C-alpha atoms as a PDB file:
ATOM      1  CA  UNK A   1       1.142 -36.028 -33.547  1.00  0.00           C
ATOM      2  CA  UNK A   2       2.550 -37.239 -30.250  1.00  0.00           C
ATOM      3  CA  UNK A   3       5.758 -38.454 -31.929  1.00  0.00           C
ATOM      4  CA  UNK A   4       6.175 -35.146 -33.759  1.00  0.00           C
ATOM      5  CA  UNK A   5       5.737 -33.246 -30.488  1.00  0.00           C
ATOM      6  CA  UNK A   6       8.452 -35.366 -28.849  1.00  0.00           C
ATOM      7  CA  UNK A   7      10.847 -34.720 -31.744  1.00  0.00           C
ATOM      8  CA  UNK A   8      10.264 -30.969 -31.555  1.00  0.00           C
ATOM      9  CA  UNK A   9      10.670 -31.035 -27.758  1.00  0.00           C
ATOM     10  CA  UNK A  10      14.032 -32.847 -27.997  1.00  0.00           C
ATOM     11  CA  UNK A  11      15.328 -30.663 -30.844  1.00  0.00           C
ATOM     12  CA  UNK A  12      18.043 -29.081 -28.688  1.00  0.00           C
ATOM     13  CA  UNK A  13      19.387 -32.463 -27.594  1.00  0.00           C
ATOM     14  CA  UNK A  14      19.491 -33.741 -31.168  1.00  0.00           C
ATOM     15  CA  UNK A  15      21.317 -30.594 -32.307  1.00  0.00           C
ATOM     16  CA  UNK A  16      23.892 -30.891 -29.518  1.00  0.00           C
ATOM     17  CA  UNK A  17      24.411 -34.576 -30.337  1.00  0.00           C
ATOM     18  CA  UNK A  18      24.898 -33.760 -34.010  1.00  0.00           C
ATOM     19  CA  UNK A  19      27.465 -31.071 -33.182  1.00  0.00           C
ATOM     20  CA  UNK A  20      29.367 -33.472 -30.919  1.00  0.00           C
ATOM     21  CA  UNK A  21      29.459 -36.130 -33.655  1.00  0.00           C
ATOM     22  CA  UNK A  22      30.613 -33.545 -36.208  1.00  0.00           C
ATOM     23  CA  UNK A  23      33.414 -32.316 -33.941  1.00  0.00           C
ATOM     24  CA  UNK A  24      34.591 -35.892 -33.285  1.00  0.00           C
ATOM     25  CA  UNK A  25      34.646 -36.533 -37.044  1.00  0.00           C
ATOM     26  CA  UNK A  26      36.692 -33.370 -37.708  1.00  0.00           C
ATOM     27  CA  UNK A  27      39.218 -34.238 -34.977  1.00  0.00           C
ATOM     28  CA  UNK A  28      39.545 -37.788 -36.368  1.00  0.00           C
ATOM     29  CA  UNK A  29      40.241 -36.451 -39.856  1.00  0.00           C
ATOM     30  CA  UNK A  30      42.840 -34.027 -38.516  1.00  0.00           C
ATOM     31  CA  UNK A  31      44.620 -36.637 -36.380  1.00  0.00           C
ATOM     32  CA  UNK A  32      44.878 -39.002 -39.348  1.00  0.00           C
ATOM     33  CA  UNK A  33      47.097 -36.425 -41.089  1.00  0.00           C
ATOM     34  CA  UNK A  34      49.719 -36.326 -38.294  1.00  0.00           C
ATOM     35  CA  UNK A  35      52.837 -38.469 -38.644  1.00  0.00           C
ATOM     36  CA  UNK A  36      56.400 -38.619 -37.303  1.00  0.00           C
ATOM     37  CA  UNK A  37      58.160 -39.690 -40.519  1.00  0.00           C
ATOM     38  CA  UNK A  38      58.122 -38.135 -43.963  1.00  0.00           C
ATOM     39  CA  UNK A  39      56.016 -40.955 -45.441  1.00  0.00           C
ATOM     40  CA  UNK A  40      52.499 -40.317 -46.723  1.00  0.00           C
ATOM     41  CA  UNK A  41      49.943 -41.886 -44.356  1.00  0.00           C
ATOM     42  CA  UNK A  42      47.585 -42.681 -47.257  1.00  0.00           C
ATOM     43  CA  UNK A  43      49.788 -44.248 -49.968  1.00  0.00           C
ATOM     44  CA  UNK A  44      53.116 -44.805 -48.087  1.00  0.00           C
ATOM     45  CA  UNK A  45      55.112 -42.911 -50.744  1.00  0.00           C
ATOM     46  CA  UNK A  46      58.294 -41.063 -49.755  1.00  0.00           C
ATOM     47  CA  UNK A  47      58.074 -38.382 -52.462  1.00  0.00           C
ATOM     48  CA  UNK A  48      56.761 -35.210 -50.869  1.00  0.00           C
ATOM     49  CA  UNK A  49      56.953 -31.475 -51.327  1.00  0.00           C
ATOM     50  CA  UNK A  50      56.990 -29.012 -48.457  1.00  0.00           C
ATOM     51  CA  UNK A  51      54.174 -26.448 -48.549  1.00  0.00           C
ATOM     52  CA  UNK A  52      53.446 -23.458 -46.302  1.00  0.00           C
ATOM     53  CA  UNK A  53      51.128 -23.879 -43.347  1.00  0.00           C
ATOM     54  CA  UNK A  54      47.847 -22.014 -43.090  1.00  0.00           C
ATOM     55  CA  UNK A  55      47.084 -19.419 -40.426  1.00  0.00           C
ATOM     56  CA  UNK A  56      45.058 -21.826 -38.267  1.00  0.00           C
ATOM     57  CA  UNK A  57      47.781 -24.494 -38.269  1.00  0.00           C
ATOM     58  CA  UNK A  58      50.464 -21.891 -37.533  1.00  0.00           C
ATOM     59  CA  UNK A  59      48.521 -20.863 -34.435  1.00  0.00           C
ATOM     60  CA  UNK A  60      47.731 -24.462 -33.457  1.00  0.00           C
ATOM     61  CA  UNK A  61      51.318 -25.731 -33.829  1.00  0.00           C
ATOM     62  CA  UNK A  62      53.168 -22.592 -32.689  1.00  0.00           C
ATOM     63  CA  UNK A  63      56.664 -23.580 -31.517  1.00  0.00           C
ATOM     64  CA  UNK A  64      56.146 -27.317 -32.034  1.00  0.00           C
ATOM     65  CA  UNK A  65      58.400 -27.904 -35.077  1.00  0.00           C
ATOM     66  CA  UNK A  66      55.588 -29.183 -37.296  1.00  0.00           C
ATOM     67  CA  UNK A  67      56.005 -29.051 -41.067  1.00  0.00           C
ATOM     68  CA  UNK A  68      53.321 -29.477 -43.729  1.00  0.00           C
ATOM     69  CA  UNK A  69      53.957 -31.705 -46.749  1.00  0.00           C
ATOM     70  CA  UNK A  70      52.073 -32.620 -49.923  1.00  0.00           C
ATOM     71  CA  UNK A  71      52.487 -36.126 -51.333  1.00  0.00           C
ATOM     72  CA  UNK A  72      53.501 -36.062 -54.997  1.00  0.00           C
ATOM     73  CA  UNK A  73      51.790 -39.390 -55.697  1.00  0.00           C
ATOM     74  CA  UNK A  74      48.288 -38.981 -54.212  1.00  0.00           C
ATOM     75  CA  UNK A  75      48.328 -35.180 -53.484  1.00  0.00           C
ATOM     76  CA  UNK A  76      47.442 -35.777 -49.837  1.00  0.00           C
ATOM     77  CA  UNK A  77      48.396 -33.061 -47.332  1.00  0.00           C
ATOM     78  CA  UNK A  78      49.921 -34.230 -44.048  1.00  0.00           C
ATOM     79  CA  UNK A  79      51.897 -32.860 -41.110  1.00  0.00           C
ATOM     80  CA  UNK A  80      55.260 -34.145 -39.879  1.00  0.00           C
ATOM     81  CA  UNK A  81      56.528 -33.627 -36.309  1.00  0.00           C
ATOM     82  CA  UNK A  82      60.294 -33.038 -35.912  1.00  0.00           C
ATOM     83  CA  UNK A  83      61.165 -33.816 -39.516  1.00  0.00           C
ATOM     84  CA  UNK A  84      64.822 -33.985 -40.548  1.00  0.00           C
ATOM     85  CA  UNK A  85      63.878 -33.454 -44.214  1.00  0.00           C
ATOM     86  CA  UNK A  86      63.560 -29.923 -45.519  1.00  0.00           C
END
């Protein structure tokens, strides 16, 4: 019962640690979708279709010149900074 009491006592620390790990994972997934050229980061294909940004990404990238694309080969969504392609 001593081990169970220690787990219950450190519940807040475990929850905070889990939330920190989850936020790091979400940021890593989001950063992997950012690129400077219109080439899919997953499959390296150049065929892409421009799609509208969501509300959250419009707020996040307000005034930055970021465009959202969908790869026509693997259907991956990614963001392009300062793209010359329309």
